[in-house]
N, C-alpha and C. Protein backbone atom coordinates (compact mmCIF):
# COMPACT_ATOMS: atom_id res chain seq x y z
N MET A 1 -20.99 21.63 -21.57
CA MET A 1 -20.51 21.35 -22.77
C MET A 1 -19.43 20.29 -22.46
N THR A 2 -19.50 19.06 -23.19
CA THR A 2 -18.54 17.98 -22.90
C THR A 2 -17.33 18.28 -23.75
N SER A 3 -16.20 17.50 -23.46
CA SER A 3 -15.04 17.57 -24.16
C SER A 3 -15.28 17.47 -25.78
N SER A 4 -16.02 16.53 -26.08
CA SER A 4 -16.27 16.17 -27.40
C SER A 4 -16.92 17.34 -28.19
N GLU A 5 -18.00 17.98 -27.46
CA GLU A 5 -18.63 19.04 -28.05
C GLU A 5 -17.51 20.36 -28.08
N LYS A 6 -16.76 20.48 -27.16
CA LYS A 6 -15.72 21.62 -27.42
C LYS A 6 -14.80 21.39 -28.53
N VAL A 7 -14.42 20.03 -28.65
CA VAL A 7 -13.53 19.77 -29.83
C VAL A 7 -14.29 20.08 -31.22
N ALA A 8 -15.46 19.71 -31.27
CA ALA A 8 -16.26 19.96 -32.48
C ALA A 8 -16.56 21.38 -32.75
N TYR A 9 -16.64 22.12 -31.60
CA TYR A 9 -16.68 23.64 -31.82
C TYR A 9 -15.44 24.07 -32.29
N LEU A 10 -14.22 23.68 -31.77
CA LEU A 10 -12.89 24.09 -32.29
C LEU A 10 -12.74 23.72 -33.73
N LYS A 11 -13.26 22.56 -34.13
CA LYS A 11 -13.08 22.29 -35.49
C LYS A 11 -13.91 23.12 -36.38
N GLY A 12 -15.07 23.42 -35.96
CA GLY A 12 -15.91 24.37 -36.69
C GLY A 12 -15.33 25.69 -36.83
N LEU A 13 -14.64 26.12 -35.88
CA LEU A 13 -13.99 27.41 -35.90
C LEU A 13 -12.79 27.33 -36.91
N MET A 14 -12.20 26.30 -36.86
CA MET A 14 -10.98 26.20 -37.84
C MET A 14 -11.46 26.20 -39.31
N GLU A 15 -12.73 25.38 -39.50
CA GLU A 15 -13.33 25.52 -40.85
C GLU A 15 -13.65 26.87 -41.18
N GLY A 16 -14.42 27.54 -40.29
CA GLY A 16 -14.86 28.87 -40.58
C GLY A 16 -13.64 29.96 -40.80
N MET A 17 -12.45 29.55 -40.36
CA MET A 17 -11.37 30.50 -40.39
C MET A 17 -10.70 30.24 -41.80
N LYS A 18 -11.10 29.03 -42.39
CA LYS A 18 -10.63 28.66 -43.75
C LYS A 18 -9.16 28.41 -43.89
N LEU A 19 -8.74 27.68 -42.83
CA LEU A 19 -7.33 27.40 -42.55
C LEU A 19 -6.93 26.55 -43.90
N ASP A 20 -5.81 26.78 -44.47
CA ASP A 20 -5.27 25.99 -45.57
C ASP A 20 -4.46 24.80 -45.08
N ASP A 21 -5.11 23.61 -45.34
CA ASP A 21 -4.35 22.16 -44.98
C ASP A 21 -3.11 22.13 -45.65
N SER A 22 -2.80 22.85 -46.65
CA SER A 22 -1.62 22.56 -47.31
C SER A 22 -0.42 23.28 -46.64
N THR A 23 -0.64 24.24 -45.82
CA THR A 23 0.42 24.98 -45.05
C THR A 23 0.82 24.25 -43.82
N ASP A 24 1.86 24.52 -43.46
CA ASP A 24 2.55 23.90 -42.10
C ASP A 24 1.53 24.16 -40.91
N THR A 25 1.13 25.45 -40.89
CA THR A 25 0.28 25.81 -39.77
C THR A 25 -1.06 25.04 -39.79
N GLY A 26 -1.64 25.11 -40.93
CA GLY A 26 -2.89 24.40 -41.04
C GLY A 26 -2.75 22.94 -40.88
N LYS A 27 -1.78 22.29 -41.33
CA LYS A 27 -1.58 20.87 -40.94
C LYS A 27 -1.41 20.54 -39.52
N LEU A 28 -0.57 21.45 -38.87
CA LEU A 28 -0.48 21.37 -37.43
C LEU A 28 -1.59 21.53 -36.61
N LEU A 29 -2.48 22.51 -36.96
CA LEU A 29 -3.78 22.66 -36.22
C LEU A 29 -4.65 21.53 -36.58
N LYS A 30 -4.72 21.08 -37.66
CA LYS A 30 -5.67 19.83 -38.11
C LYS A 30 -5.34 18.67 -37.09
N VAL A 31 -4.00 18.36 -37.12
CA VAL A 31 -3.54 17.24 -36.27
C VAL A 31 -3.76 17.40 -34.73
N ILE A 32 -3.64 18.69 -34.32
CA ILE A 32 -3.89 18.97 -32.83
C ILE A 32 -5.48 18.64 -32.57
N ALA A 33 -6.15 19.28 -33.56
CA ALA A 33 -7.62 19.05 -33.37
C ALA A 33 -8.08 17.57 -33.34
N ASP A 34 -7.47 16.85 -34.22
CA ASP A 34 -7.77 15.36 -34.24
C ASP A 34 -7.28 14.64 -32.93
N ILE A 35 -6.16 15.02 -32.40
CA ILE A 35 -5.67 14.42 -31.15
C ILE A 35 -6.58 14.82 -30.15
N LEU A 36 -6.93 16.08 -30.06
CA LEU A 36 -7.90 16.53 -28.99
C LEU A 36 -9.21 15.79 -29.20
N GLY A 37 -9.67 15.41 -30.30
CA GLY A 37 -10.89 14.69 -30.40
C GLY A 37 -10.73 13.28 -29.96
N ASP A 38 -9.57 12.67 -30.26
CA ASP A 38 -9.34 11.28 -29.79
C ASP A 38 -9.36 11.38 -28.21
N MET A 39 -8.57 12.25 -27.70
CA MET A 39 -8.52 12.30 -26.24
C MET A 39 -9.99 12.60 -25.57
N ALA A 40 -10.76 13.27 -26.26
CA ALA A 40 -12.06 13.61 -25.64
C ALA A 40 -12.81 12.32 -25.64
N GLU A 41 -12.81 11.56 -26.71
CA GLU A 41 -13.44 10.25 -26.82
C GLU A 41 -12.98 9.27 -25.66
N ASP A 42 -11.58 9.22 -25.54
CA ASP A 42 -11.00 8.44 -24.42
C ASP A 42 -11.56 8.78 -23.20
N ILE A 43 -11.54 10.14 -22.86
CA ILE A 43 -12.10 10.55 -21.57
C ILE A 43 -13.50 10.28 -21.42
N GLU A 44 -14.30 10.28 -22.45
CA GLU A 44 -15.64 9.72 -22.17
C GLU A 44 -15.81 8.38 -21.90
N ASP A 45 -14.90 7.61 -22.56
CA ASP A 45 -15.08 6.11 -22.24
C ASP A 45 -14.50 5.89 -20.92
N VAL A 46 -13.54 6.62 -20.36
CA VAL A 46 -13.00 6.32 -19.02
C VAL A 46 -14.18 6.71 -18.08
N GLU A 47 -14.81 7.78 -18.29
CA GLU A 47 -16.06 8.39 -17.50
C GLU A 47 -17.06 7.31 -17.48
N SER A 48 -17.28 6.83 -18.56
CA SER A 48 -18.36 5.71 -18.73
C SER A 48 -17.92 4.47 -17.87
N ASP A 49 -16.64 4.12 -18.00
CA ASP A 49 -16.29 2.91 -17.30
C ASP A 49 -16.26 3.16 -15.74
N LEU A 50 -15.82 4.49 -15.47
CA LEU A 50 -15.97 4.84 -14.01
C LEU A 50 -17.19 4.72 -13.45
N TYR A 51 -18.21 5.20 -14.15
CA TYR A 51 -19.70 5.14 -13.75
C TYR A 51 -20.14 3.68 -13.53
N ASP A 52 -19.87 2.82 -14.56
CA ASP A 52 -20.20 1.40 -14.38
C ASP A 52 -19.52 0.90 -13.05
N LEU A 53 -18.27 1.17 -12.96
CA LEU A 53 -17.49 0.63 -11.85
C LEU A 53 -18.16 1.20 -10.51
N SER A 54 -18.44 2.43 -10.50
CA SER A 54 -19.04 2.97 -9.19
C SER A 54 -20.45 2.23 -8.90
N GLU A 55 -21.22 2.01 -10.01
CA GLU A 55 -22.48 1.28 -9.76
C GLU A 55 -22.08 -0.18 -9.30
N GLU A 56 -21.09 -0.86 -9.72
CA GLU A 56 -20.93 -2.23 -9.20
C GLU A 56 -20.35 -2.12 -7.61
N VAL A 57 -19.55 -1.18 -7.38
CA VAL A 57 -19.12 -0.83 -5.89
C VAL A 57 -20.22 -0.67 -5.09
N ASP A 58 -21.18 0.06 -5.60
CA ASP A 58 -22.52 0.34 -4.69
C ASP A 58 -23.11 -0.87 -4.50
N ALA A 59 -23.31 -1.80 -5.54
CA ALA A 59 -24.04 -3.01 -5.50
C ALA A 59 -23.22 -3.95 -4.50
N ILE A 60 -21.88 -4.00 -4.57
CA ILE A 60 -21.01 -4.87 -3.67
C ILE A 60 -21.33 -4.30 -2.29
N SER A 61 -21.26 -3.15 -1.97
CA SER A 61 -21.44 -2.41 -0.70
C SER A 61 -22.93 -2.80 -0.10
N ASP A 62 -23.84 -2.72 -0.91
CA ASP A 62 -25.26 -3.23 -0.57
C ASP A 62 -25.29 -4.59 -0.03
N GLU A 63 -24.60 -5.46 -0.94
CA GLU A 63 -24.67 -6.85 -0.51
C GLU A 63 -23.83 -7.06 0.82
N LEU A 64 -22.72 -6.50 0.76
CA LEU A 64 -21.83 -6.58 2.05
C LEU A 64 -22.75 -6.03 3.23
N GLY A 65 -23.41 -5.14 3.16
CA GLY A 65 -24.34 -4.72 4.29
C GLY A 65 -25.35 -5.72 4.64
N ASP A 66 -25.96 -6.29 3.58
CA ASP A 66 -26.94 -7.53 3.86
C ASP A 66 -26.19 -8.64 4.43
N LEU A 67 -25.00 -8.93 4.10
CA LEU A 67 -24.27 -10.03 4.81
C LEU A 67 -23.97 -9.68 6.20
N GLU A 68 -23.55 -8.38 6.48
CA GLU A 68 -23.16 -7.98 7.87
C GLU A 68 -24.50 -7.98 8.72
N GLU A 69 -25.60 -7.60 8.04
CA GLU A 69 -26.95 -7.70 8.79
C GLU A 69 -27.25 -9.21 9.31
N TYR A 70 -26.93 -10.05 8.20
CA TYR A 70 -27.22 -11.59 8.35
C TYR A 70 -26.37 -12.04 9.55
N LEU A 71 -25.10 -11.69 9.61
CA LEU A 71 -24.21 -12.13 10.53
C LEU A 71 -24.36 -11.39 11.93
N GLY A 72 -25.05 -10.31 11.98
CA GLY A 72 -25.25 -9.57 13.15
C GLY A 72 -24.24 -8.58 13.44
N VAL A 73 -23.48 -8.26 12.41
CA VAL A 73 -22.47 -7.13 12.66
C VAL A 73 -23.30 -5.79 12.39
N GLU A 74 -23.11 -4.88 13.30
CA GLU A 74 -23.93 -3.59 13.04
C GLU A 74 -22.82 -2.60 12.48
N ASP A 75 -21.64 -2.47 12.89
CA ASP A 75 -20.64 -1.52 12.40
C ASP A 75 -19.25 -2.06 12.53
N ASP A 76 -18.23 -1.30 11.93
CA ASP A 76 -16.91 -1.84 11.97
C ASP A 76 -16.40 -2.22 13.51
N GLU A 77 -16.85 -1.55 14.58
CA GLU A 77 -16.39 -1.87 15.89
C GLU A 77 -16.82 -3.25 16.27
N ASP A 78 -17.96 -3.59 15.77
CA ASP A 78 -18.63 -4.85 16.22
C ASP A 78 -17.83 -6.08 15.50
N GLU A 79 -17.08 -5.78 14.67
CA GLU A 79 -16.46 -6.76 13.77
C GLU A 79 -15.40 -7.55 14.62
N ASP A 80 -14.97 -6.90 15.71
CA ASP A 80 -14.10 -7.44 16.71
C ASP A 80 -14.65 -8.54 17.49
N GLU A 81 -16.05 -8.63 17.61
CA GLU A 81 -16.75 -9.52 18.42
C GLU A 81 -16.84 -10.85 17.83
N LEU A 82 -16.63 -10.97 16.42
CA LEU A 82 -16.59 -12.27 15.74
C LEU A 82 -15.21 -12.79 16.06
N ASP A 83 -15.27 -13.98 16.78
CA ASP A 83 -14.09 -14.72 17.10
C ASP A 83 -13.68 -15.69 16.14
N TRP A 84 -13.15 -15.45 15.13
CA TRP A 84 -12.77 -16.35 14.00
C TRP A 84 -11.60 -17.32 14.35
N ASP A 85 -10.73 -16.80 15.23
CA ASP A 85 -9.56 -17.75 15.63
C ASP A 85 -9.05 -17.41 17.04
N ASP A 86 -9.26 -18.33 18.00
CA ASP A 86 -8.69 -18.03 19.23
C ASP A 86 -7.26 -17.83 19.52
N GLU A 87 -6.42 -18.34 18.38
CA GLU A 87 -5.06 -18.16 18.63
C GLU A 87 -4.57 -16.67 18.18
N ASP A 88 -5.53 -15.94 17.66
CA ASP A 88 -5.24 -14.44 17.36
C ASP A 88 -4.92 -13.73 18.56
N GLU A 89 -5.79 -14.10 19.73
CA GLU A 89 -5.72 -13.24 20.85
C GLU A 89 -4.22 -13.48 21.58
N GLU A 90 -3.68 -14.77 21.40
CA GLU A 90 -2.33 -15.00 21.91
C GLU A 90 -1.23 -14.24 21.03
N ASP A 91 -1.49 -14.24 19.69
CA ASP A 91 -0.53 -13.46 18.87
C ASP A 91 -0.59 -12.04 19.19
N ASP A 92 -1.70 -11.49 19.38
CA ASP A 92 -1.88 -10.10 19.61
C ASP A 92 -1.00 -9.57 21.01
N GLU A 93 -0.95 -10.49 22.01
CA GLU A 93 -0.32 -10.34 23.16
C GLU A 93 1.15 -10.17 22.88
N ASP A 94 1.68 -11.10 22.05
CA ASP A 94 3.01 -11.08 21.66
C ASP A 94 3.33 -9.88 20.92
N ASP A 95 2.54 -9.47 20.12
CA ASP A 95 2.81 -8.27 19.28
C ASP A 95 2.94 -6.96 19.94
N ASP A 96 2.14 -6.88 21.13
CA ASP A 96 2.28 -5.76 21.91
C ASP A 96 3.41 -5.53 22.59
N ALA A 97 4.31 -6.55 22.85
CA ALA A 97 5.51 -6.52 23.62
C ALA A 97 6.65 -5.64 22.86
N GLU A 98 7.21 -4.82 23.66
CA GLU A 98 8.32 -3.93 23.11
C GLU A 98 9.47 -4.84 22.67
N PRO A 99 10.22 -4.55 21.59
CA PRO A 99 11.40 -5.41 21.16
C PRO A 99 12.38 -4.93 22.18
N VAL A 100 13.30 -5.96 22.45
CA VAL A 100 14.43 -5.87 23.33
C VAL A 100 15.74 -5.77 22.53
N PHE A 101 16.47 -4.86 22.61
CA PHE A 101 17.84 -4.67 21.89
C PHE A 101 18.97 -4.82 22.78
N TYR A 102 19.97 -5.34 22.11
CA TYR A 102 21.28 -5.57 22.85
C TYR A 102 22.40 -4.85 22.05
N GLU A 103 23.50 -4.35 22.84
CA GLU A 103 24.65 -3.86 22.11
C GLU A 103 25.68 -4.91 22.29
N VAL A 104 26.31 -5.11 21.15
CA VAL A 104 27.26 -6.35 21.02
C VAL A 104 28.66 -5.63 20.32
N THR A 105 29.81 -5.92 20.99
CA THR A 105 30.99 -5.46 20.40
C THR A 105 31.60 -6.37 19.54
N CYS A 106 32.08 -6.16 18.37
CA CYS A 106 32.84 -7.15 17.58
C CYS A 106 34.24 -7.29 18.16
N PRO A 107 34.64 -8.52 18.33
CA PRO A 107 36.03 -8.65 18.91
C PRO A 107 37.07 -8.25 17.94
N ALA A 108 36.83 -8.28 16.62
CA ALA A 108 37.88 -7.81 15.70
C ALA A 108 38.05 -6.41 15.46
N CYS A 109 37.00 -5.63 15.34
CA CYS A 109 36.97 -4.25 14.91
C CYS A 109 36.65 -3.25 16.20
N LYS A 110 36.15 -4.02 17.09
CA LYS A 110 35.92 -3.34 18.39
C LYS A 110 34.81 -2.24 18.28
N LYS A 111 34.01 -2.37 17.20
CA LYS A 111 32.83 -1.56 17.02
C LYS A 111 31.68 -2.11 17.51
N THR A 112 30.73 -1.25 18.20
CA THR A 112 29.55 -1.73 18.86
C THR A 112 28.30 -1.62 17.83
N ILE A 113 27.52 -2.72 17.77
CA ILE A 113 26.36 -2.79 17.09
C ILE A 113 25.14 -3.13 17.87
N THR A 114 23.99 -2.79 17.48
CA THR A 114 22.75 -3.11 18.27
C THR A 114 22.01 -4.14 17.37
N VAL A 115 21.66 -5.13 18.19
CA VAL A 115 20.90 -6.40 17.80
C VAL A 115 19.70 -6.56 18.57
N ASP A 116 18.75 -7.26 17.94
CA ASP A 116 17.50 -7.64 18.71
C ASP A 116 17.57 -9.17 19.09
N GLU A 117 16.60 -9.62 19.79
CA GLU A 117 16.51 -10.99 20.35
C GLU A 117 16.68 -11.93 19.15
N ASP A 118 15.94 -11.75 18.15
CA ASP A 118 15.89 -12.64 17.02
C ASP A 118 17.40 -12.94 16.39
N VAL A 119 18.16 -11.69 16.28
CA VAL A 119 19.57 -12.01 15.71
C VAL A 119 20.29 -12.59 16.84
N LEU A 120 20.21 -12.52 18.02
CA LEU A 120 20.92 -13.22 18.99
C LEU A 120 20.56 -14.72 19.00
N ALA A 121 19.34 -14.92 18.67
CA ALA A 121 18.83 -16.37 18.66
C ALA A 121 19.31 -17.21 17.57
N LEU A 122 20.01 -16.41 16.58
CA LEU A 122 20.62 -17.08 15.44
C LEU A 122 22.00 -17.74 15.79
N GLY A 123 22.51 -17.19 16.95
CA GLY A 123 23.73 -17.77 17.38
C GLY A 123 25.13 -17.07 16.82
N SER A 124 24.99 -16.53 15.63
CA SER A 124 26.19 -15.84 15.16
C SER A 124 25.74 -15.07 13.92
N ILE A 125 26.41 -13.78 13.67
CA ILE A 125 26.15 -13.19 12.60
C ILE A 125 27.62 -12.61 12.03
N GLN A 126 27.41 -11.94 10.75
CA GLN A 126 28.73 -11.34 10.40
C GLN A 126 28.78 -9.93 10.63
N CYS A 127 29.72 -9.44 11.17
CA CYS A 127 29.92 -8.01 11.58
C CYS A 127 29.70 -7.16 10.33
N PRO A 128 28.75 -6.08 10.36
CA PRO A 128 28.43 -5.46 9.22
C PRO A 128 29.71 -4.36 8.91
N ASN A 129 30.49 -4.20 9.98
CA ASN A 129 31.66 -3.19 9.78
C ASN A 129 32.80 -3.84 9.15
N CYS A 130 33.32 -4.92 9.66
CA CYS A 130 34.48 -5.63 9.17
C CYS A 130 34.18 -6.99 8.45
N GLY A 131 33.11 -7.59 8.53
CA GLY A 131 32.96 -8.76 8.01
C GLY A 131 33.25 -10.05 8.83
N GLU A 132 33.86 -9.83 9.95
CA GLU A 132 34.32 -10.93 10.84
C GLU A 132 32.96 -11.60 11.50
N MET A 133 33.16 -12.91 11.61
CA MET A 133 31.96 -13.61 12.21
C MET A 133 31.83 -13.43 13.77
N MET A 134 30.71 -13.17 14.17
CA MET A 134 30.53 -12.80 15.72
C MET A 134 29.51 -13.96 16.20
N GLU A 135 29.90 -14.69 17.24
CA GLU A 135 29.22 -15.67 17.80
C GLU A 135 28.62 -15.31 19.12
N PHE A 136 27.45 -15.73 19.39
CA PHE A 136 26.70 -15.29 20.58
C PHE A 136 26.46 -16.74 21.55
N GLU A 137 26.64 -16.44 22.85
CA GLU A 137 26.15 -17.43 23.80
C GLU A 137 25.00 -16.96 24.52
N ILE A 138 23.92 -17.62 24.40
CA ILE A 138 22.73 -17.04 25.13
C ILE A 138 22.42 -18.01 26.40
N GLU A 139 22.31 -17.29 27.48
CA GLU A 139 22.05 -17.88 28.73
C GLU A 139 20.64 -17.73 29.03
N ASP A 140 19.72 -18.92 29.05
CA ASP A 140 18.46 -18.79 29.43
C ASP A 140 18.33 -18.97 30.95
N ALA A 141 18.15 -17.83 31.67
CA ALA A 141 17.87 -17.79 33.17
C ALA A 141 16.54 -17.26 33.25
N GLU A 142 15.40 -18.02 33.67
CA GLU A 142 14.10 -17.60 34.07
C GLU A 142 14.32 -16.90 35.37
N ALA A 143 13.69 -15.71 35.55
CA ALA A 143 13.64 -15.13 36.94
C ALA A 143 12.35 -15.40 37.55
N ASP A 144 12.26 -15.70 38.88
CA ASP A 144 11.00 -15.78 39.61
C ASP A 144 10.60 -14.43 40.06
N GLU A 145 9.57 -14.29 40.72
CA GLU A 145 8.96 -13.03 41.23
C GLU A 145 9.88 -12.17 41.96
N ASP A 146 10.87 -12.77 42.75
CA ASP A 146 11.85 -11.96 43.46
C ASP A 146 12.96 -11.41 42.59
N GLY A 147 12.98 -11.74 41.23
CA GLY A 147 14.06 -11.35 40.43
C GLY A 147 15.22 -12.11 40.46
N GLU A 148 15.21 -13.37 41.28
CA GLU A 148 16.43 -14.17 41.20
C GLU A 148 16.10 -15.37 40.30
N PRO A 149 17.18 -15.95 39.66
CA PRO A 149 17.10 -17.03 38.71
C PRO A 149 16.61 -18.27 39.37
N GLU A 150 15.72 -19.04 38.70
CA GLU A 150 15.14 -20.36 39.19
C GLU A 150 16.26 -21.40 39.03
N ASP A 151 16.12 -22.41 39.87
CA ASP A 151 16.99 -23.40 39.88
C ASP A 151 16.46 -24.56 39.04
């Protein structure tokens, strides 16, 4: 039994009980039954829209499957075989590197904060504790295989 059928049954029961619409209770029950009827119609509309949407998604999925077949992609794992952009490989290598953090002590308040390389590259930041401007000097020393700086 659908929601609309249940509401119709409820209204039939109310008529069979011969509720008086002039009393407060009768008015209240009639309004509740009308609201339930409206809600049942809304639910049926949503269910219909959901069914239509589901059919559209299935059609799109079928078309996507046809496109994957045309491109030679068999499943999600094979998607990586399509090389859309050579630069992505270089970016992936950079993304895998662990971030490096540094502890910096504010000269004004003497509190230590932790910053990453990107913050150090800015050259200066405002201390989050006291507001004093902190400046950084970055020395670029490339190390060779022996761990000693190159000349």
